[in-house]
C-alpha atoms as a PDB file:
ATOM      1  CA  MET A   1     -46.203  -3.036   4.948  1.00  0.00           C
ATOM      2  CA  THR A   2     -44.385  -5.403   7.691  1.00  0.00           C
ATOM      3  CA  LYS A   3     -43.859  -3.963  10.988  1.00  0.00           C
ATOM      4  CA  ARG A   4     -40.731  -3.020  12.338  1.00  0.00           C
ATOM      5  CA  LYS A   5     -39.047  -5.106  14.939  1.00  0.00           C
ATOM      6  CA  ALA A   6     -39.525  -4.144  18.605  1.00  0.00           C
ATOM      7  CA  LEU A   7     -36.035  -4.412  20.532  1.00  0.00           C
ATOM      8  CA  GLY A   8     -35.172  -2.998  23.672  1.00  0.00           C
ATOM      9  CA  LYS A   9     -38.397  -3.827  25.229  1.00  0.00           C
ATOM     10  CA  GLY A  10     -37.316  -7.526  26.351  1.00  0.00           C
ATOM     11  CA  LEU A  11     -38.035 -10.759  25.510  1.00  0.00           C
ATOM     12  CA  SER A  12     -42.030 -10.131  25.891  1.00  0.00           C
ATOM     13  CA  ALA A  13     -42.066  -8.352  22.443  1.00  0.00           C
ATOM     14  CA  LEU A  14     -40.542 -10.989  20.530  1.00  0.00           C
ATOM     15  CA  ILE A  15     -42.090 -14.292  22.157  1.00  0.00           C
ATOM     16  CA  PRO A  16     -45.803 -14.400  21.366  1.00  0.00           C
ATOM     17  CA  ASP A  17     -47.777 -15.472  24.313  1.00  0.00           C
ATOM     18  CA  GLY A  18     -50.200 -18.298  24.423  1.00  0.00           C
ATOM     19  CA  HIS A  19     -53.055 -16.345  22.341  1.00  0.00           C
ATOM     20  CA  ASP A  20     -51.205 -15.646  19.635  1.00  0.00           C
ATOM     21  CA  LEU A  21     -49.544 -18.867  18.893  1.00  0.00           C
ATOM     22  CA  ASP A  22     -52.627 -20.199  17.109  1.00  0.00           C
ATOM     23  CA  GLU A  23     -52.070 -17.837  14.493  1.00  0.00           C
ATOM     24  CA  LYS A  24     -48.592 -17.586  14.174  1.00  0.00           C
ATOM     25  CA  GLU A  25     -47.551 -21.167  14.327  1.00  0.00           C
ATOM     26  CA  GLU A  26     -44.496 -21.252  12.229  1.00  0.00           C
ATOM     27  CA  LEU A  27     -43.340 -19.167  14.830  1.00  0.00           C
ATOM     28  CA  PHE A  28     -43.579 -22.121  17.161  1.00  0.00           C
ATOM     29  CA  PHE A  29     -42.343 -25.467  16.785  1.00  0.00           C
ATOM     30  CA  LEU A  30     -40.409 -28.542  18.234  1.00  0.00           C
ATOM     31  CA  CYS A  31     -36.629 -28.532  16.875  1.00  0.00           C
ATOM     32  CA  PRO A  32     -34.418 -30.856  16.765  1.00  0.00           C
ATOM     33  CA  VAL A  33     -31.551 -30.069  19.551  1.00  0.00           C
ATOM     34  CA  ALA A  34     -28.542 -31.111  17.344  1.00  0.00           C
ATOM     35  CA  ALA A  35     -30.473 -28.325  14.459  1.00  0.00           C
ATOM     36  CA  ILE A  36     -29.398 -25.484  16.887  1.00  0.00           C
ATOM     37  CA  GLU A  37     -25.513 -23.909  17.229  1.00  0.00           C
ATOM     38  CA  ALA A  38     -24.395 -21.677  20.005  1.00  0.00           C
ATOM     39  CA  ASN A  39     -24.198 -18.057  19.256  1.00  0.00           C
ATOM     40  CA  PRO A  40     -20.864 -16.423  18.685  1.00  0.00           C
ATOM     41  CA  ASN A  41     -22.129 -13.454  19.969  1.00  0.00           C
ATOM     42  CA  GLN A  42     -23.655 -15.346  23.386  1.00  0.00           C
ATOM     43  CA  PRO A  43     -22.688 -12.212  25.660  1.00  0.00           C
ATOM     44  CA  ARG A  44     -22.407 -15.083  29.221  1.00  0.00           C
ATOM     45  CA  GLN A  45     -19.062 -16.412  28.701  1.00  0.00           C
ATOM     46  CA  ARG A  46     -19.278 -18.392  32.419  1.00  0.00           C
ATOM     47  CA  PHE A  47     -21.848 -21.384  32.323  1.00  0.00           C
ATOM     48  CA  PRO A  48     -20.525 -23.012  35.952  1.00  0.00           C
ATOM     49  CA  ALA A  49     -21.151 -27.089  36.338  1.00  0.00           C
ATOM     50  CA  SER A  50     -23.129 -26.312  39.581  1.00  0.00           C
ATOM     51  CA  GLU A  51     -26.106 -24.176  38.015  1.00  0.00           C
ATOM     52  CA  LEU A  52     -25.604 -26.447  34.317  1.00  0.00           C
ATOM     53  CA  GLU A  53     -26.274 -29.415  36.902  1.00  0.00           C
ATOM     54  CA  GLU A  54     -29.424 -28.213  39.038  1.00  0.00           C
ATOM     55  CA  MET A  55     -30.813 -27.376  35.224  1.00  0.00           C
ATOM     56  CA  VAL A  56     -30.365 -30.529  34.021  1.00  0.00           C
ATOM     57  CA  ALA A  57     -31.917 -32.364  36.578  1.00  0.00           C
ATOM     58  CA  SER A  58     -35.655 -30.082  36.216  1.00  0.00           C
ATOM     59  CA  VAL A  59     -34.847 -30.694  32.643  1.00  0.00           C
ATOM     60  CA  ARG A  60     -34.740 -33.942  33.336  1.00  0.00           C
ATOM     61  CA  GLU A  61     -38.287 -33.993  35.056  1.00  0.00           C
ATOM     62  CA  LYS A  62     -40.167 -31.289  33.544  1.00  0.00           C
ATOM     63  CA  GLY A  63     -38.512 -30.479  30.341  1.00  0.00           C
ATOM     64  CA  ILE A  64     -37.979 -27.040  28.347  1.00  0.00           C
ATOM     65  CA  LEU A  65     -41.009 -25.289  29.455  1.00  0.00           C
ATOM     66  CA  THR A  66     -39.845 -21.787  28.367  1.00  0.00           C
ATOM     67  CA  PRO A  67     -39.097 -21.606  24.168  1.00  0.00           C
ATOM     68  CA  LEU A  68     -35.482 -20.783  22.705  1.00  0.00           C
ATOM     69  CA  LEU A  69     -34.982 -18.009  20.575  1.00  0.00           C
ATOM     70  CA  VAL A  70     -33.291 -18.716  17.705  1.00  0.00           C
ATOM     71  CA  ASN A  71     -32.406 -17.424  13.971  1.00  0.00           C
ATOM     72  CA  LYS A  72     -33.013 -19.522  11.137  1.00  0.00           C
ATOM     73  CA  THR A  73     -29.571 -20.403   9.423  1.00  0.00           C
ATOM     74  CA  GLU A  74     -28.385 -21.698   6.434  1.00  0.00           C
ATOM     75  CA  SER A  75     -27.618 -25.420   7.998  1.00  0.00           C
ATOM     76  CA  GLY A  76     -30.347 -24.591  11.237  1.00  0.00           C
ATOM     77  CA  TYR A  77     -30.779 -22.942  13.768  1.00  0.00           C
ATOM     78  CA  GLN A  78     -28.813 -20.802  15.742  1.00  0.00           C
ATOM     79  CA  LEU A  79     -29.124 -19.342  19.352  1.00  0.00           C
ATOM     80  CA  ILE A  80     -30.406 -15.648  20.078  1.00  0.00           C
ATOM     81  CA  ALA A  81     -31.367 -16.835  23.748  1.00  0.00           C
ATOM     82  CA  GLY A  82     -31.589 -19.730  26.057  1.00  0.00           C
ATOM     83  CA  GLU A  83     -27.951 -21.008  25.380  1.00  0.00           C
ATOM     84  CA  ARG A  84     -28.075 -22.463  29.488  1.00  0.00           C
ATOM     85  CA  ARG A  85     -31.304 -23.776  28.526  1.00  0.00           C
ATOM     86  CA  TRP A  86     -29.906 -25.771  25.294  1.00  0.00           C
ATOM     87  CA  ARG A  87     -27.046 -26.616  26.742  1.00  0.00           C
ATOM     88  CA  ALA A  88     -28.993 -28.940  29.917  1.00  0.00           C
ATOM     89  CA  ALA A  89     -31.379 -30.244  27.031  1.00  0.00           C
ATOM     90  CA  GLN A  90     -28.282 -32.038  25.549  1.00  0.00           C
ATOM     91  CA  MET A  91     -26.542 -33.411  28.561  1.00  0.00           C
ATOM     92  CA  ALA A  92     -30.242 -34.429  29.545  1.00  0.00           C
ATOM     93  CA  GLY A  93     -30.036 -36.214  26.334  1.00  0.00           C
ATOM     94  CA  LEU A  94     -33.536 -34.299  24.747  1.00  0.00           C
ATOM     95  CA  GLU A  95     -33.706 -34.962  21.071  1.00  0.00           C
ATOM     96  CA  ARG A  96     -36.082 -31.620  20.616  1.00  0.00           C
ATOM     97  CA  VAL A  97     -36.520 -29.044  22.102  1.00  0.00           C
ATOM     98  CA  PRO A  98     -39.135 -25.986  22.234  1.00  0.00           C
ATOM     99  CA  VAL A  99     -38.035 -23.013  19.626  1.00  0.00           C
ATOM    100  CA  VAL A 100     -39.595 -19.327  18.972  1.00  0.00           C
ATOM    101  CA  VAL A 101     -37.770 -18.745  15.120  1.00  0.00           C
ATOM    102  CA  ARG A 102     -36.896 -14.612  14.526  1.00  0.00           C
ATOM    103  CA  ASP A 103     -35.466 -13.348  11.621  1.00  0.00           C
ATOM    104  CA  VAL A 104     -32.652 -10.578  13.488  1.00  0.00           C
ATOM    105  CA  SER A 105     -29.513  -8.891  12.608  1.00  0.00           C
ATOM    106  CA  PRO A 106     -26.610 -10.291  13.687  1.00  0.00           C
ATOM    107  CA  SER A 107     -25.601  -6.822  16.203  1.00  0.00           C
ATOM    108  CA  GLU A 108     -29.806  -7.505  16.817  1.00  0.00           C
ATOM    109  CA  SER A 109     -29.212 -10.829  18.101  1.00  0.00           C
ATOM    110  CA  LEU A 110     -26.549  -9.525  20.064  1.00  0.00           C
ATOM    111  CA  GLU A 111     -29.089  -6.866  21.778  1.00  0.00           C
ATOM    112  CA  LEU A 112     -31.498  -9.673  22.554  1.00  0.00           C
ATOM    113  CA  ALA A 113     -29.505 -11.789  24.158  1.00  0.00           C
ATOM    114  CA  LEU A 114     -27.730  -9.506  26.736  1.00  0.00           C
ATOM    115  CA  ILE A 115     -31.468  -8.495  26.693  1.00  0.00           C
ATOM    116  CA  GLU A 116     -32.225 -11.400  28.273  1.00  0.00           C
ATOM    117  CA  ASN A 117     -29.022 -11.777  30.710  1.00  0.00           C
ATOM    118  CA  ILE A 118     -29.723  -9.069  31.765  1.00  0.00           C
ATOM    119  CA  GLN A 119     -32.836  -9.404  32.878  1.00  0.00           C
ATOM    120  CA  ARG A 120     -32.136 -13.246  34.765  1.00  0.00           C
ATOM    121  CA  LYS A 121     -29.262 -11.288  36.123  1.00  0.00           C
ATOM    122  CA  ASP A 122     -26.820 -13.897  34.438  1.00  0.00           C
ATOM    123  CA  LEU A 123     -24.007 -11.634  33.489  1.00  0.00           C
ATOM    124  CA  ASN A 124     -20.760 -10.809  35.597  1.00  0.00           C
ATOM    125  CA  PRO A 125     -19.793  -7.008  35.026  1.00  0.00           C
ATOM    126  CA  ILE A 126     -17.387  -7.639  32.297  1.00  0.00           C
ATOM    127  CA  GLU A 127     -19.387  -9.922  30.075  1.00  0.00           C
ATOM    128  CA  GLU A 128     -21.771  -6.778  30.089  1.00  0.00           C
ATOM    129  CA  ALA A 129     -18.950  -4.225  29.343  1.00  0.00           C
ATOM    130  CA  LEU A 130     -17.892  -6.198  26.917  1.00  0.00           C
ATOM    131  CA  ALA A 131     -21.105  -7.105  25.673  1.00  0.00           C
ATOM    132  CA  CYS A 132     -22.001  -3.210  25.296  1.00  0.00           C
ATOM    133  CA  ARG A 133     -18.717  -1.675  24.244  1.00  0.00           C
ATOM    134  CA  LYS A 134     -19.244  -4.656  21.062  1.00  0.00           C
ATOM    135  CA  LEU A 135     -22.543  -3.932  20.653  1.00  0.00           C
ATOM    136  CA  MET A 136     -21.810   0.180  20.555  1.00  0.00           C
ATOM    137  CA  GLU A 137     -18.563  -0.561  17.558  1.00  0.00           C
ATOM    138  CA  ASP A 138     -21.803  -3.129  15.611  1.00  0.00           C
ATOM    139  CA  THR A 139     -24.599  -0.923  15.776  1.00  0.00           C
ATOM    140  CA  GLY A 140     -22.730   2.440  15.805  1.00  0.00           C
ATOM    141  CA  SER A 141     -24.254   3.159  18.957  1.00  0.00           C
ATOM    142  CA  THR A 142     -23.777   5.873  22.051  1.00  0.00           C
ATOM    143  CA  GLN A 143     -23.823   5.353  25.201  1.00  0.00           C
ATOM    144  CA  GLU A 144     -27.067   7.653  26.062  1.00  0.00           C
ATOM    145  CA  ILE A 145     -28.883   5.350  22.717  1.00  0.00           C
ATOM    146  CA  LEU A 146     -27.151   2.342  24.308  1.00  0.00           C
ATOM    147  CA  SER A 147     -29.461   2.873  27.793  1.00  0.00           C
ATOM    148  CA  GLN A 148     -32.584   3.669  26.292  1.00  0.00           C
ATOM    149  CA  ARG A 149     -32.561   0.057  23.875  1.00  0.00           C
ATOM    150  CA  LEU A 150     -31.422  -1.876  27.115  1.00  0.00           C
ATOM    151  CA  GLY A 151     -33.744   0.012  29.754  1.00  0.00           C
ATOM    152  CA  LYS A 152     -30.611   1.477  31.550  1.00  0.00           C
ATOM    153  CA  ASN A 153     -29.060   4.571  32.914  1.00  0.00           C
ATOM    154  CA  ARG A 154     -26.365   6.106  30.573  1.00  0.00           C
ATOM    155  CA  SER A 155     -24.048   6.677  33.913  1.00  0.00           C
ATOM    156  CA  THR A 156     -24.690   2.210  33.854  1.00  0.00           C
ATOM    157  CA  ILE A 157     -23.462   1.510  30.747  1.00  0.00           C
ATOM    158  CA  ALA A 158     -20.521   4.103  31.224  1.00  0.00           C
ATOM    159  CA  ASN A 159     -19.184   3.238  34.539  1.00  0.00           C
ATOM    160  CA  LEU A 160     -19.570  -0.622  33.187  1.00  0.00           C
ATOM    161  CA  LEU A 161     -17.655   0.477  29.887  1.00  0.00           C
ATOM    162  CA  ARG A 162     -15.189   1.668  32.201  1.00  0.00           C
ATOM    163  CA  LEU A 163     -14.667  -1.337  33.945  1.00  0.00           C
ATOM    164  CA  LEU A 164     -12.753  -2.538  30.400  1.00  0.00           C
ATOM    165  CA  LYS A 165      -9.962  -0.216  30.665  1.00  0.00           C
ATOM    166  CA  LEU A 166      -8.940  -2.641  34.415  1.00  0.00           C
ATOM    167  CA  PRO A 167      -5.760  -4.199  33.644  1.00  0.00           C
ATOM    168  CA  THR A 168      -6.629  -8.341  32.633  1.00  0.00           C
ATOM    169  CA  ALA A 169      -5.694  -9.664  35.661  1.00  0.00           C
ATOM    170  CA  ILE A 170      -8.063  -6.981  37.930  1.00  0.00           C
ATOM    171  CA  GLN A 171     -10.990  -7.669  35.014  1.00  0.00           C
ATOM    172  CA  GLN A 172     -10.163 -11.565  35.943  1.00  0.00           C
ATOM    173  CA  ASP A 173     -10.790 -11.011  39.267  1.00  0.00           C
ATOM    174  CA  VAL A 174     -14.581  -9.877  39.000  1.00  0.00           C
ATOM    175  CA  ILE A 175     -14.846 -12.444  36.423  1.00  0.00           C
ATOM    176  CA  ASP A 176     -14.254 -15.056  39.193  1.00  0.00           C
ATOM    177  CA  ASP A 177     -16.421 -13.226  42.103  1.00  0.00           C
ATOM    178  CA  ARG A 178     -13.006 -12.037  43.746  1.00  0.00           C
ATOM    179  CA  LEU A 179     -14.268  -8.539  42.959  1.00  0.00           C
ATOM    180  CA  THR A 180     -17.246  -6.888  43.170  1.00  0.00           C
ATOM    181  CA  MET A 181     -19.372  -3.932  40.612  1.00  0.00           C
ATOM    182  CA  GLY A 182     -18.276  -1.747  43.775  1.00  0.00           C
ATOM    183  CA  HIS A 183     -14.829  -2.562  44.298  1.00  0.00           C
ATOM    184  CA  ALA A 184     -13.850  -2.668  40.393  1.00  0.00           C
ATOM    185  CA  ARG A 185     -15.607   0.737  39.670  1.00  0.00           C
ATOM    186  CA  LEU A 186     -13.283   1.938  42.854  1.00  0.00           C
ATOM    187  CA  LEU A 187     -10.189   0.479  41.191  1.00  0.00           C
ATOM    188  CA  ALA A 188     -11.152   1.818  37.567  1.00  0.00           C
ATOM    189  CA  GLY A 189     -10.666   5.240  39.505  1.00  0.00           C
ATOM    190  CA  ILE A 190      -7.068   5.052  40.445  1.00  0.00           C
ATOM    191  CA  THR A 191      -4.962   6.061  37.622  1.00  0.00           C
ATOM    192  CA  GLU A 192      -1.618   4.635  39.845  1.00  0.00           C
ATOM    193  CA  ASN A 193      -1.182   1.114  38.364  1.00  0.00           C
ATOM    194  CA  ASP A 194       1.182   0.822  42.093  1.00  0.00           C
ATOM    195  CA  GLN A 195      -1.326   1.963  44.340  1.00  0.00           C
ATOM    196  CA  GLN A 196      -4.360  -0.023  42.100  1.00  0.00           C
ATOM    197  CA  ARG A 197      -2.542  -3.074  43.047  1.00  0.00           C
ATOM    198  CA  VAL A 198      -1.976  -2.283  46.468  1.00  0.00           C
ATOM    199  CA  LEU A 199      -5.739  -1.498  46.409  1.00  0.00           C
ATOM    200  CA  ARG A 200      -6.385  -4.474  45.244  1.00  0.00           C
ATOM    201  CA  ASP A 201      -4.575  -7.320  46.986  1.00  0.00           C
ATOM    202  CA  ALA A 202      -5.608  -5.276  50.391  1.00  0.00           C
ATOM    203  CA  ILE A 203      -9.403  -5.624  49.169  1.00  0.00           C
ATOM    204  CA  VAL A 204      -8.364  -9.550  48.010  1.00  0.00           C
ATOM    205  CA  ASN A 205      -6.652 -10.841  51.371  1.00  0.00           C
ATOM    206  CA  LYS A 206      -8.092  -9.080  54.013  1.00  0.00           C
ATOM    207  CA  GLU A 207     -12.195  -9.407  52.189  1.00  0.00           C
ATOM    208  CA  LEU A 208     -12.699  -5.416  52.974  1.00  0.00           C
ATOM    209  CA  SER A 209     -15.723  -3.738  52.009  1.00  0.00           C
ATOM    210  CA  VAL A 210     -16.576  -1.599  49.278  1.00  0.00           C
ATOM    211  CA  ARG A 211     -16.538   0.893  52.032  1.00  0.00           C
ATOM    212  CA  GLN A 212     -13.710  -0.136  53.406  1.00  0.00           C
ATOM    213  CA  ALA A 213     -11.727  -0.030  50.199  1.00  0.00           C
ATOM    214  CA  GLU A 214     -12.374   3.407  49.475  1.00  0.00           C
ATOM    215  CA  ALA A 215     -10.582   4.779  52.623  1.00  0.00           C
ATOM    216  CA  LEU A 216      -8.022   2.570  52.650  1.00  0.00           C
ATOM    217  CA  ALA A 217      -8.108   4.297  48.360  1.00  0.00           C
ATOM    218  CA  ARG A 218      -8.644   7.637  50.291  1.00  0.00           C
ATOM    219  CA  LYS A 219      -5.411   6.932  52.390  1.00  0.00           C
ATOM    220  CA  LEU A 220      -3.045   5.791  49.342  1.00  0.00           C
ATOM    221  CA  LYS A 221      -3.876   8.960  47.368  1.00  0.00           C
ATOM    222  CA  LYS A 222      -3.452  11.582  50.141  1.00  0.00           C
ATOM    223  CA  PRO A 223      -0.069  12.756  49.324  1.00  0.00           C
ATOM    224  CA  PRO A 224       2.866  12.650  52.361  1.00  0.00           C
ATOM    225  CA  THR A 225       3.102  15.548  54.700  1.00  0.00           C
ATOM    226  CA  PRO A 226       6.440  16.844  53.323  1.00  0.00           C
ATOM    227  CA  LYS A 227       9.471  17.533  55.995  1.00  0.00           C
ATOM    228  CA  LYS A 228      11.057  20.669  56.875  1.00  0.00           C
ATOM    229  CA  VAL A 229      13.694  20.795  55.342  1.00  0.00           C
ATOM    230  CA  LEU A 230      16.213  23.986  56.209  1.00  0.00           C
ATOM    231  CA  SER A 231      19.072  23.923  53.613  1.00  0.00           C
ATOM    232  CA  LYS A 232      22.767  25.025  54.313  1.00  0.00           C
ATOM    233  CA  ASP A 233      20.906  28.242  51.749  1.00  0.00           C
ATOM    234  CA  ASP A 234      18.732  28.926  54.905  1.00  0.00           C
ATOM    235  CA  PRO A 235      20.729  32.168  56.193  1.00  0.00           C
ATOM    236  CA  TYR A 236      20.854  31.020  60.017  1.00  0.00           C
ATOM    237  CA  ILE A 237      21.760  27.779  59.156  1.00  0.00           C
ATOM    238  CA  ARG A 238      24.695  29.249  57.185  1.00  0.00           C
ATOM    239  CA  SER A 239      25.632  31.731  59.518  1.00  0.00           C
ATOM    240  CA  LEU A 240      26.351  28.925  62.245  1.00  0.00           C
ATOM    241  CA  SER A 241      28.536  27.260  59.539  1.00  0.00           C
ATOM    242  CA  ASP A 242      30.528  30.326  58.671  1.00  0.00           C
ATOM    243  CA  ASN A 243      31.027  30.302  61.998  1.00  0.00           C
ATOM    244  CA  LEU A 244      32.223  26.756  63.037  1.00  0.00           C
ATOM    245  CA  LYS A 245      34.604  26.928  59.778  1.00  0.00           C
ATOM    246  CA  ARG A 246      35.903  29.804  61.237  1.00  0.00           C
ATOM    247  CA  SER A 247      36.519  27.934  64.784  1.00  0.00           C
ATOM    248  CA  LEU A 248      37.778  25.341  63.076  1.00  0.00           C
ATOM    249  CA  GLY A 249      39.931  26.305  60.429  1.00  0.00           C
ATOM    250  CA  THR A 250      37.987  23.739  57.776  1.00  0.00           C
ATOM    251  CA  LYS A 251      35.161  23.416  54.805  1.00  0.00           C
ATOM    252  CA  VAL A 252      31.519  22.768  57.922  1.00  0.00           C
ATOM    253  CA  GLU A 253      28.064  21.512  55.944  1.00  0.00           C
ATOM    254  CA  ILE A 254      25.128  21.739  58.419  1.00  0.00           C
ATOM    255  CA  LYS A 255      21.833  19.713  57.221  1.00  0.00           C
ATOM    256  CA  LYS A 256      19.020  19.662  58.982  1.00  0.00           C
ATOM    257  CA  GLU A 257      14.795  17.700  59.057  1.00  0.00           C
ATOM    258  CA  GLY A 258      12.598  18.923  61.598  1.00  0.00           C
ATOM    259  CA  LYS A 259      14.536  18.450  64.689  1.00  0.00           C
ATOM    260  CA  ARG A 260      17.152  16.068  63.255  1.00  0.00           C
ATOM    261  CA  GLY A 261      20.396  16.741  61.182  1.00  0.00           C
ATOM    262  CA  GLN A 262      24.177  16.225  60.302  1.00  0.00           C
ATOM    263  CA  ILE A 263      27.518  18.538  61.200  1.00  0.00           C
ATOM    264  CA  LEU A 264      29.857  18.124  58.392  1.00  0.00           C
ATOM    265  CA  LEU A 265      33.248  18.256  58.979  1.00  0.00           C
ATOM    266  CA  TYR A 266      36.031  17.930  56.294  1.00  0.00           C
ATOM    267  CA  PHE A 267      39.764  17.527  56.305  1.00  0.00           C
ATOM    268  CA  TYR A 268      41.884  17.431  53.629  1.00  0.00           C
ATOM    269  CA  SER A 269      44.510  15.279  54.822  1.00  0.00           C
ATOM    270  CA  ASP A 270      45.913  12.977  57.736  1.00  0.00           C
ATOM    271  CA  ASP A 271      47.071  15.569  60.053  1.00  0.00           C
ATOM    272  CA  GLU A 272      44.405  17.767  59.311  1.00  0.00           C
ATOM    273  CA  LEU A 273      42.201  14.956  60.881  1.00  0.00           C
ATOM    274  CA  ASP A 274      44.618  14.534  64.002  1.00  0.00           C
ATOM    275  CA  ARG A 275      43.746  18.463  64.550  1.00  0.00           C
ATOM    276  CA  LEU A 276      40.415  18.244  64.062  1.00  0.00           C
ATOM    277  CA  VAL A 277      40.093  15.096  66.650  1.00  0.00           C
ATOM    278  CA  GLU A 278      42.087  17.225  69.367  1.00  0.00           C
ATOM    279  CA  PHE A 279      40.394  20.289  69.183  1.00  0.00           C
ATOM    280  CA  LEU A 280      37.103  18.355  68.993  1.00  0.00           C
ATOM    281  CA  THR A 281      38.302  16.173  72.467  1.00  0.00           C
END
């Protein structure tokens, strides 16, 4: 009976240590770089040139010290984890790289790639959220199950998935490091698009901290204090209007807001206008 594959325990559960290599030599070998293809489900989408250049220099001097994790395919091998090392090896001109082969399903491959990137803290929040959503869709896992397999709190998974409801432009801000996870979580909690946009612009343009952004969000959410308006239906205002109407002999409206307002006098002919002007002056 074969042992069930160890998932959710990190790469240490899948890559044998030095004592196991002699007994499982078929798992570890030097593989031609050209025989390896990228993982289409790789969670990490951005590989900054500066990071790759540093790794290329290291690879040229020391080689690849940590084996790549790959899966056997009909045409060769597909990466499970280690794409940055694989890219650096290509750029450094290496012909072969150390690999460990594992026979896993596409969803298991995604999970392992996600675990490695989480452990290395290589993913931005949007990349991590997209990988979590795809893993849940592919395996039918709940947030609770996924949190156990990835070693994260369920609330952390829930907060990540909420980021995917943000507008695409704001998600791109997170990817490009203009917004932190804290900023993104705050923006995800705002339902009014206008308020969300105003807050995002303030965070980016004024370089607000999360605490400063939270204070601004509270101001944006707070409804303005309504002004006390005395309409013409108010008994006191209606009484004043009636008195003026009797004195002036025409329709009168009084509109009042706070301590300010208007008195409207109506006229219906030039003669009536002249009469009102003469009366008032």
